[in-house]
Amino acid sequence: MPAREKPSSGLVGAGLLVVDKDAGITSHDVVARCRKLLNTRKVGHAGTLDPMATGVLVLGVERATKMLGLLALTTKAYTATIRLGASTTTDDAEGDAVETADASHITDDEIAVEIRKLTGDISQVPSSVSAIKVDGQRAHALIRAGEEVELAPRSVHVERFEVIERRTVGQFVDLDVVVDCSSGTYVRALARDLGRALGVGGHLTALRRTRVGPFTLEHARTLDELAEQPGVSLDIDEAARTAFPHRHIDADEAEAISQGRWLTTIGMKGVYAAIDPSGHTIALLQERGRRASSVMVVRPATLR
């Protein structure tokens, strides 16, 4: 296969768009806005953020939407503010207050002890207003319909849960924290459980996601910035190199994999990118037995 000087047809504008989401809008709102700004219907998101949350939201554009389900976005990082002294129906500031208590007497040492218990491998009951499905319906939809929802605990991993700053606001105590955790961890639930353990209740008042897998705020743009300069954050080749390990292949191997054939294995685990001599990603591969087969052909021969 001859070296490509330009991306194959059908891939113009394709890539990953990392948005720094504003508060007060849903992830679906962001997708809808990006479809208009990029003038394409082919925009999808890898995971969501609550309306109150800001920060990193990863979107796929054009052919890169097929890549979203293969991304290893298993680790996430957040900054957040936890208010001790009040619990709410949603475990965050958008819910109604359930109970309040004077938290001003709680010491830093007491907080540190309970935070250690919420670090590492823990069992966590997700917030009842989460997007987890119960009998085929989202838990938050059932809650809004007035039904009671009890979610089963799940195993999650909290790598880091650290207080950066403490402030006393009347009878409340606000804690600015950083959290590094596995996918599926609810920071709202950490706030709830910390307040409960301290006997004063707690909820989340601010949440900002700073990283999802390898994608950080350094990759991200606000919607206003995107409106001024539409386009993806990482084209499909940059996205593949950032998100996946990669293997360099020769022209003959590139031709074979672009036509749906398989390559010999080299002992790489998981999904990885096959990069041709011109630096373009031909496919995402996964090794099974003696074959390295495509799980997504990025540049099929039919697009040329």
Foldseek 3Di string as FASTA:
>chain_A
DDFDPDDFFQQVQWDKAWAFEDAQDWPVVVLVLLCVLVVHNAKDWQDIDPNRETETTIMTGGPCNLVSVQFPQFKWKKKFKKKAFWAFLQLEPVGHTDGGGQPVPDDPVLLVVVVVVVAAKDWFFDGQLAQDDDPRHGSVVCVVVVDDDGGGTDIWHKHDWDFDDWDDDPSMIMTTIMTMITPPDDVSRVSQSSNVVVPRGMGTYYMYIADGQQDGCVLHDHSVVCSVPPGHSARHLRNQVRRFAEDEDEPVVLLQQLQFHWDFDDPDAGWHFYAYPNSGTQAIWHDDDGTTGGPGGSRHPVSD
